[in-house]
Amino acid sequence: MVTEMANRGVRRVHVLAWRDLDDAEAGGSENHADEFMRRWQEAGLSVMHRTSHAVGRPRVDQRHGYDVVRRGGRMSVFPRVAVSETLGRMGPYDALVEIWNGVPWLSPVWCRKPRILILHHIHGPMWNQMFPGPVAALGRAIETRLAPPLYRRTPTVTTSTDTHEELLHLGWKPELVTTGPVGVDDFFSPGGPKTDHPSVLAVGRQAPVKRFVDLLEQVRVARARVPNLTLTLVGDGPERGAIEEWVRAHEATWVTLAGRVGREELRDHYRRSWIVASASLAEGWGLALTEAAGCGTPAVATDISGHRCSVLHDRTGILAPLERLGDSIAEVLTNDGLRARLSRDAESRARMLTWDALAVGVLEPLHAQVVRPRRGERGR
């Protein structure tokens, strides 16, 4: 595929994403981008990742073989990139990948090269959690009314079937939307014993959309049936203070705030825990849930778009409305047969999800644009 693209003159690809994997606030979207960019670079494409400033990181860098350029703030990066790419300041490129995370780069306006869009999910109610009312309303309007008409003819990749349907509702042509799962690294595998008591793990950036305080309330509900249950939270973020305040107010000695941890320690947490839980309001893909699945740990999570793809209900975990999450957690923790079945199926499915397949899946719509017959070639 890469060779065919090179023969058509596509050797340099620019990838736009507002946040970088080395950013303190990086999450699943940034991990997703790194996984396909490194594989594209290894396959022979020259990849440059254009993103915003990350504290403590150089403006120009390399990661896993591809170039990283960090210039501009969270909002100023968007016009800066458009101007830089239009004027050629970032060097020549043959194709573009835009990762739209709430705020679009408006590449249909200024880019005339082959390009694709990656859109994990529509933010919807998340705008109200992140911004005051007028700003939130503007964000929703841009995302759902103002920008979509520009992108409806853009080949688009998403990880969620629900997002796929939302894009069709917003006017995308069905043949231009590709949906596929993310990968699970073989590093995340079973090993070692589980804790000797019922244990719940929650992993993620402690931001309002993740609803960690709501998760604490639901786990407290579960403790009415499972009094020796413990909860470990891995991660950090702007909601850390509210979480700590809840733990103090409820004298919740059964909660451990582990903070940010390294990859091996994270795997140890996945392996030891009986289940992994999430109360998130919105996700593009529940990456922590599939990483835990790779370690043989099933999930109990809110029944939302991104979770429906990463967790197969009653097969690799349980999905439930937020208000019933505590009851579902208790049910899985007290039903050994159910938990064992979910664990087996979770690991089995995780082994089927590979980053190599993801990298090919993201590349295919770009490849189709590059190698499709040009005018004058058809009918020969």
Protein backbone atom coordinates (compact mmCIF):
# COMPACT_ATOMS: atom_id res chain seq x y z
CA MET A 1 0.00 0.00 0.00
CA VAL A 2 2.78 2.43 0.95
CA THR A 3 4.74 1.48 -2.20
CA GLU A 4 1.72 2.21 -4.38
CA MET A 5 1.32 5.58 -2.72
CA ALA A 6 5.01 6.38 -3.20
CA ASN A 7 4.71 5.49 -6.88
CA ARG A 8 1.93 8.08 -7.08
CA GLY A 9 4.15 10.69 -5.44
CA VAL A 10 2.86 10.46 -1.86
CA ARG A 11 5.85 10.10 0.45
CA ARG A 12 5.41 12.87 3.05
CA VAL A 13 2.34 13.02 5.30
CA HIS A 14 1.50 15.75 7.82
CA VAL A 15 -0.71 14.77 10.77
CA LEU A 16 -2.52 17.53 12.69
CA ALA A 17 -3.63 16.97 16.28
CA TRP A 18 -4.14 19.64 18.93
CA ARG A 19 -2.44 17.60 21.66
CA ASP A 20 0.74 15.53 21.73
CA LEU A 21 1.37 12.10 23.28
CA ASP A 22 4.00 13.69 25.57
CA ASP A 23 1.52 16.28 26.81
CA ALA A 24 0.54 15.88 30.47
CA GLU A 25 -3.13 15.79 29.40
CA ALA A 26 -2.67 13.20 26.63
CA GLY A 27 -5.18 10.39 26.45
CA GLY A 28 -6.53 7.72 24.14
CA SER A 29 -6.72 9.92 21.04
CA GLU A 30 -3.03 10.79 21.33
CA ASN A 31 -2.11 7.14 21.88
CA HIS A 32 -4.17 6.17 18.82
CA ALA A 33 -2.31 8.74 16.69
CA ASP A 34 1.10 7.61 17.87
CA GLU A 35 0.34 3.98 17.07
CA PHE A 36 -0.53 4.59 13.41
CA MET A 37 2.11 7.29 12.86
CA ARG A 38 4.96 5.09 14.08
CA ARG A 39 3.82 2.24 11.84
CA TRP A 40 3.48 4.49 8.82
CA GLN A 41 6.99 5.79 9.43
CA GLU A 42 8.35 2.26 9.76
CA ALA A 43 6.59 1.29 6.51
CA GLY A 44 8.40 4.01 4.58
CA LEU A 45 6.27 7.16 4.77
CA SER A 46 7.83 10.35 6.12
CA VAL A 47 5.48 11.52 8.87
CA MET A 48 5.42 14.92 10.58
CA HIS A 49 3.12 15.46 13.56
CA ARG A 50 2.05 19.10 13.99
CA THR A 51 0.62 19.92 17.40
CA SER A 52 0.53 22.51 20.20
CA HIS A 53 3.09 23.38 22.85
CA ALA A 54 3.65 20.74 25.55
CA VAL A 55 5.15 21.82 28.86
CA GLY A 56 8.73 20.67 29.26
CA ARG A 57 9.03 19.38 25.71
CA PRO A 58 11.10 20.91 22.85
CA ARG A 59 9.42 22.73 19.99
CA VAL A 60 10.95 20.32 17.46
CA ASP A 61 11.38 16.67 18.39
CA GLN A 62 11.28 13.09 17.17
CA ARG A 63 9.30 10.17 18.53
CA HIS A 64 9.41 6.62 17.22
CA GLY A 65 11.09 7.86 14.05
CA TYR A 66 8.56 10.52 13.03
CA ASP A 67 9.00 14.29 13.44
CA VAL A 68 7.04 16.29 16.01
CA VAL A 69 6.59 20.07 15.82
CA ARG A 70 4.98 21.76 18.86
CA ARG A 71 4.14 25.41 18.28
CA GLY A 72 1.19 27.47 19.48
CA GLY A 73 -1.21 27.23 22.39
CA ARG A 74 -4.37 25.17 22.72
CA MET A 75 -6.36 27.57 20.50
CA SER A 76 -3.71 29.55 18.63
CA VAL A 77 -2.32 26.33 17.12
CA PHE A 78 -5.29 26.10 14.74
CA PRO A 79 -4.80 29.36 12.78
CA ARG A 80 -1.01 29.02 13.04
CA VAL A 81 -1.07 25.62 11.37
CA ALA A 82 -3.44 26.76 8.62
CA VAL A 83 -1.16 29.70 7.78
CA SER A 84 2.04 27.65 8.05
CA GLU A 85 0.77 24.87 5.82
CA THR A 86 -0.66 27.29 3.26
CA LEU A 87 2.65 29.17 3.04
CA GLY A 88 4.76 26.00 3.08
CA ARG A 89 6.60 26.92 6.28
CA MET A 90 6.42 23.34 7.56
CA GLY A 91 8.05 21.99 4.42
CA PRO A 92 6.48 20.12 1.51
CA TYR A 93 3.92 17.39 2.07
CA ASP A 94 1.92 15.12 -0.21
CA ALA A 95 -1.07 14.22 1.98
CA LEU A 96 -2.73 15.40 5.17
CA VAL A 97 -4.38 13.70 8.16
CA GLU A 98 -6.56 15.94 10.33
CA ILE A 99 -7.54 14.74 13.79
CA TRP A 100 -10.61 16.73 14.80
CA ASN A 101 -10.96 16.78 18.59
CA GLY A 102 -13.82 19.21 19.22
CA VAL A 103 -12.28 22.10 17.26
CA PRO A 104 -11.78 21.53 13.51
CA TRP A 105 -8.66 22.56 11.60
CA LEU A 106 -10.83 23.55 8.60
CA SER A 107 -8.48 21.71 6.24
CA PRO A 108 -11.12 21.56 3.45
CA VAL A 109 -10.74 25.35 3.17
CA TRP A 110 -6.96 25.51 2.72
CA CYS A 111 -5.70 22.03 1.75
CA ARG A 112 -5.97 20.79 -1.84
CA LYS A 113 -3.92 17.65 -1.38
CA PRO A 114 -5.23 14.15 -0.59
CA ARG A 115 -6.47 14.21 3.00
CA ILE A 116 -8.53 12.30 5.52
CA LEU A 117 -10.25 13.17 8.77
CA ILE A 118 -10.08 11.21 12.03
CA LEU A 119 -12.98 11.98 14.37
CA HIS A 120 -13.35 9.82 17.46
CA HIS A 121 -16.60 11.24 18.81
CA ILE A 122 -18.96 14.22 18.81
CA HIS A 123 -18.45 16.11 22.07
CA GLY A 124 -22.09 17.11 22.65
CA PRO A 125 -22.69 17.45 26.43
CA MET A 126 -18.94 17.62 27.08
CA TRP A 127 -18.93 21.27 25.97
CA ASN A 128 -20.98 22.27 29.01
CA GLN A 129 -18.56 20.51 31.33
CA MET A 130 -15.55 22.28 29.89
CA PHE A 131 -16.76 25.83 29.16
CA PRO A 132 -19.27 28.48 30.28
CA GLY A 133 -22.68 28.47 28.57
CA PRO A 134 -22.04 30.85 25.63
CA VAL A 135 -18.68 29.28 24.78
CA ALA A 136 -20.16 25.78 25.07
CA ALA A 137 -23.01 26.76 22.74
CA LEU A 138 -20.53 28.11 20.21
CA GLY A 139 -18.47 24.90 20.41
CA ARG A 140 -21.54 22.74 19.79
CA ALA A 141 -22.60 24.95 16.89
CA ILE A 142 -19.18 24.71 15.23
CA GLU A 143 -19.02 20.95 15.73
CA THR A 144 -22.53 20.07 14.59
CA ARG A 145 -23.73 22.88 12.29
CA LEU A 146 -21.01 25.19 10.98
CA ALA A 147 -18.10 22.82 10.22
CA PRO A 148 -19.87 19.63 8.97
CA PRO A 149 -20.91 21.09 5.57
CA LEU A 150 -17.19 21.60 4.81
CA TYR A 151 -16.31 17.97 5.62
CA ARG A 152 -19.15 15.94 4.14
CA ARG A 153 -17.04 14.92 1.15
CA THR A 154 -13.97 14.14 3.27
CA PRO A 155 -13.03 10.47 3.84
CA THR A 156 -13.45 10.06 7.58
CA VAL A 157 -12.27 7.45 10.07
CA THR A 158 -13.90 6.86 13.45
CA THR A 159 -13.68 4.14 16.10
CA SER A 160 -17.33 4.17 17.18
CA THR A 161 -20.38 2.85 15.35
CA ASP A 162 -22.49 5.45 17.19
CA THR A 163 -20.21 8.23 15.94
CA HIS A 164 -20.50 6.70 12.46
CA GLU A 165 -24.28 7.09 12.68
CA GLU A 166 -23.98 10.65 14.02
CA LEU A 167 -21.79 11.61 11.06
CA LEU A 168 -24.34 10.21 8.62
CA HIS A 169 -27.01 12.26 10.40
CA LEU A 170 -24.81 15.35 9.98
CA GLY A 171 -24.62 14.74 6.25
CA TRP A 172 -21.51 12.62 5.63
CA LYS A 173 -21.81 10.26 2.66
CA PRO A 174 -21.96 6.63 3.93
CA GLU A 175 -19.25 5.43 1.57
CA LEU A 176 -16.83 8.02 3.00
CA VAL A 177 -17.06 6.94 6.66
CA THR A 178 -14.87 4.07 7.89
CA THR A 179 -15.28 2.58 11.35
CA GLY A 180 -12.85 0.18 12.99
CA PRO A 181 -11.56 -0.81 16.44
CA VAL A 182 -8.30 0.28 18.00
CA GLY A 183 -5.56 -2.13 19.06
CA VAL A 184 -4.35 -3.73 22.26
CA ASP A 185 -0.61 -4.14 22.70
CA ASP A 186 0.52 -7.69 23.52
CA PHE A 187 2.27 -6.10 26.52
CA PHE A 188 -1.12 -6.09 28.24
CA SER A 189 -1.49 -9.77 29.08
CA PRO A 190 -2.57 -11.84 32.11
CA GLY A 191 -0.05 -12.59 34.84
CA GLY A 192 0.12 -13.05 38.59
CA PRO A 193 -2.68 -13.44 41.14
CA LYS A 194 -5.69 -11.22 41.68
CA THR A 195 -6.08 -9.36 44.98
CA ASP A 196 -7.38 -11.48 47.87
CA HIS A 197 -10.41 -9.18 48.17
CA PRO A 198 -12.83 -7.68 45.61
CA SER A 199 -11.02 -4.84 43.85
CA VAL A 200 -12.10 -2.23 41.31
CA LEU A 201 -9.74 -0.20 39.14
CA ALA A 202 -10.47 3.03 37.24
CA VAL A 203 -7.90 4.53 34.87
CA GLY A 204 -7.95 7.85 33.05
CA ARG A 205 -7.36 11.56 33.10
CA GLN A 206 -9.30 13.01 36.00
CA ALA A 207 -11.36 15.46 33.95
CA PRO A 208 -15.07 16.33 34.35
CA VAL A 209 -16.13 14.14 31.41
CA LYS A 210 -14.78 11.04 33.17
CA ARG A 211 -17.14 11.59 36.15
CA PHE A 212 -14.84 10.09 38.76
CA VAL A 213 -16.83 11.56 41.65
CA ASP A 214 -19.96 9.87 40.25
CA LEU A 215 -17.96 6.64 40.03
CA LEU A 216 -16.99 6.99 43.70
CA GLU A 217 -20.68 7.31 44.58
CA GLN A 218 -21.56 4.21 42.55
CA VAL A 219 -18.77 2.16 44.10
CA ARG A 220 -20.05 3.25 47.51
CA VAL A 221 -23.42 1.81 46.47
CA ALA A 222 -21.70 -1.45 45.54
CA ARG A 223 -20.04 -1.61 48.96
CA ALA A 224 -23.47 -2.10 50.55
CA ARG A 225 -23.35 -5.61 49.03
CA VAL A 226 -19.56 -6.01 48.91
CA PRO A 227 -18.27 -4.33 52.10
CA ASN A 228 -14.63 -5.35 51.64
CA LEU A 229 -14.45 -3.85 48.14
CA THR A 230 -11.55 -1.47 47.38
CA LEU A 231 -11.17 1.06 44.57
CA THR A 232 -7.93 2.27 43.00
CA LEU A 233 -7.86 5.37 40.78
CA VAL A 234 -4.94 5.70 38.37
CA GLY A 235 -4.38 9.07 36.73
CA ASP A 236 -4.37 12.77 37.49
CA GLY A 237 -6.06 15.90 36.22
CA PRO A 238 -8.17 18.96 37.06
CA GLU A 239 -10.74 16.97 39.07
CA ARG A 240 -8.13 15.57 41.46
CA GLY A 241 -9.03 18.13 44.15
CA ALA A 242 -12.74 17.26 43.99
CA ILE A 243 -11.91 13.56 44.21
CA GLU A 244 -9.67 14.08 47.24
CA GLU A 245 -12.37 16.18 48.90
CA TRP A 246 -14.94 13.40 48.35
CA VAL A 247 -12.59 10.81 49.84
CA ARG A 248 -11.99 12.99 52.93
CA ALA A 249 -15.69 13.85 53.38
CA HIS A 250 -16.71 10.19 53.24
CA GLU A 251 -13.68 8.88 55.17
CA ALA A 252 -13.23 6.49 52.27
CA THR A 253 -10.15 4.59 53.41
CA TRP A 254 -11.11 1.96 50.82
CA VAL A 255 -10.03 4.34 48.01
CA THR A 256 -6.42 4.54 46.80
CA LEU A 257 -5.34 7.48 44.62
CA ALA A 258 -2.35 6.07 42.74
CA GLY A 259 -1.77 9.11 40.51
CA ARG A 260 0.10 8.78 37.21
CA VAL A 261 2.00 5.51 36.92
CA GLY A 262 4.42 3.93 34.48
CA ARG A 263 3.42 1.34 31.92
CA GLU A 264 4.56 -1.71 33.89
CA GLU A 265 2.86 -0.52 37.08
CA LEU A 266 -0.32 0.13 35.10
CA ARG A 267 -0.21 -3.42 33.79
CA ASP A 268 0.22 -4.70 37.35
CA HIS A 269 -2.90 -2.80 38.38
CA TYR A 270 -4.86 -4.29 35.47
CA ARG A 271 -3.67 -7.79 36.32
CA ARG A 272 -4.43 -7.61 40.06
CA SER A 273 -7.87 -6.01 39.86
CA TRP A 274 -11.06 -8.02 39.70
CA ILE A 275 -12.73 -5.53 37.36
CA VAL A 276 -12.03 -2.19 35.67
CA ALA A 277 -14.74 0.47 35.80
CA SER A 278 -15.62 3.70 34.01
CA ALA A 279 -18.40 6.23 34.59
CA SER A 280 -17.38 8.39 31.62
CA LEU A 281 -19.95 10.59 29.90
CA ALA A 282 -18.33 10.34 26.45
CA GLU A 283 -15.46 8.42 24.85
CA GLY A 284 -14.13 7.83 21.37
CA TRP A 285 -12.92 4.42 22.54
CA GLY A 286 -12.40 3.13 26.09
CA LEU A 287 -8.72 2.31 25.68
CA ALA A 288 -8.15 1.49 29.36
CA LEU A 289 -11.02 -0.99 29.18
CA THR A 290 -9.47 -2.94 26.30
CA GLU A 291 -5.99 -2.78 27.86
CA ALA A 292 -7.50 -4.30 31.02
CA ALA A 293 -9.26 -6.89 28.86
CA GLY A 294 -5.86 -7.90 27.47
CA CYS A 295 -4.87 -8.66 31.07
CA GLY A 296 -7.99 -10.78 31.58
CA THR A 297 -9.86 -8.13 33.58
CA PRO A 298 -13.47 -7.46 32.50
CA ALA A 299 -15.14 -4.05 32.57
CA VAL A 300 -18.22 -2.50 34.12
CA ALA A 301 -18.88 0.81 32.41
CA THR A 302 -21.50 3.34 31.46
CA ASP A 303 -23.57 2.50 28.40
CA ILE A 304 -22.20 5.19 26.06
CA SER A 305 -20.98 5.28 22.48
CA GLY A 306 -17.25 4.67 22.96
CA HIS A 307 -17.83 2.00 25.59
CA ARG A 308 -20.20 0.02 23.37
CA CYS A 309 -17.33 -0.58 20.96
CA SER A 310 -14.64 -1.35 23.52
CA VAL A 311 -16.90 -3.50 25.74
CA LEU A 312 -19.27 -6.11 24.31
CA HIS A 313 -22.16 -6.18 26.77
CA ASP A 314 -22.47 -9.46 28.69
CA ARG A 315 -19.51 -10.85 26.75
CA THR A 316 -16.40 -8.88 27.73
CA GLY A 317 -18.03 -6.78 30.42
CA ILE A 318 -21.25 -5.13 31.56
CA LEU A 319 -22.67 -1.81 30.33
CA ALA A 320 -25.24 0.05 32.40
CA PRO A 321 -26.67 3.53 32.93
CA LEU A 322 -24.73 5.60 35.45
CA GLU A 323 -27.41 5.24 38.14
CA ARG A 324 -27.18 1.42 37.92
CA LEU A 325 -23.41 1.17 37.70
CA GLY A 326 -23.01 0.37 41.41
CA ASP A 327 -25.45 -2.54 41.24
CA SER A 328 -23.67 -3.89 38.14
CA ILE A 329 -20.28 -3.65 39.87
CA ALA A 330 -21.63 -5.58 42.86
CA GLU A 331 -23.19 -8.23 40.61
CA VAL A 332 -19.95 -8.95 38.77
CA LEU A 333 -17.87 -8.96 41.97
CA THR A 334 -20.19 -11.43 43.74
CA ASN A 335 -20.81 -13.77 40.79
CA ASP A 336 -17.65 -15.81 40.31
CA GLY A 337 -18.99 -17.70 37.30
CA LEU A 338 -20.04 -14.53 35.49
CA ARG A 339 -16.73 -12.81 36.24
CA ALA A 340 -14.72 -15.81 35.00
CA ARG A 341 -16.69 -15.95 31.75
CA LEU A 342 -16.34 -12.23 31.14
CA SER A 343 -12.62 -12.46 31.88
CA ARG A 344 -12.04 -15.25 29.35
CA ASP A 345 -14.01 -13.53 26.62
CA ALA A 346 -12.42 -10.14 27.34
CA GLU A 347 -8.91 -11.50 26.89
CA SER A 348 -9.90 -13.50 23.81
CA ARG A 349 -11.34 -10.43 22.10
CA ALA A 350 -8.39 -8.23 23.10
CA ARG A 351 -6.02 -10.59 21.30
CA MET A 352 -7.99 -9.94 18.11
CA LEU A 353 -7.47 -6.15 18.31
CA THR A 354 -4.11 -5.14 16.85
CA TRP A 355 -2.47 -1.79 16.22
CA ASP A 356 -1.12 -3.09 12.92
CA ALA A 357 -4.68 -3.57 11.68
CA LEU A 358 -5.56 -0.10 12.95
CA ALA A 359 -2.64 1.48 11.05
CA VAL A 360 -3.73 -0.22 7.83
CA GLY A 361 -7.37 0.70 8.42
CA VAL A 362 -6.54 4.39 8.84
CA LEU A 363 -4.28 4.36 5.79
CA GLU A 364 -6.80 2.72 3.45
CA PRO A 365 -9.02 5.79 2.79
CA LEU A 366 -5.93 7.88 2.06
CA HIS A 367 -4.56 5.15 -0.18
CA ALA A 368 -7.88 5.00 -2.06
CA GLN A 369 -7.66 8.71 -2.88
CA VAL A 370 -4.09 8.44 -4.11
CA VAL A 371 -4.29 5.31 -6.27
CA ARG A 372 -7.80 5.69 -7.73
CA PRO A 373 -7.71 6.10 -11.52
CA ARG A 374 -7.06 9.65 -12.61
CA ARG A 375 -8.88 11.32 -15.44
CA GLY A 376 -7.53 10.02 -18.67
CA GLU A 377 -6.50 6.70 -17.10
CA ARG A 378 -10.03 5.27 -16.93
CA GLY A 379 -10.97 2.94 -19.74
CA ARG A 380 -7.40 2.28 -20.77
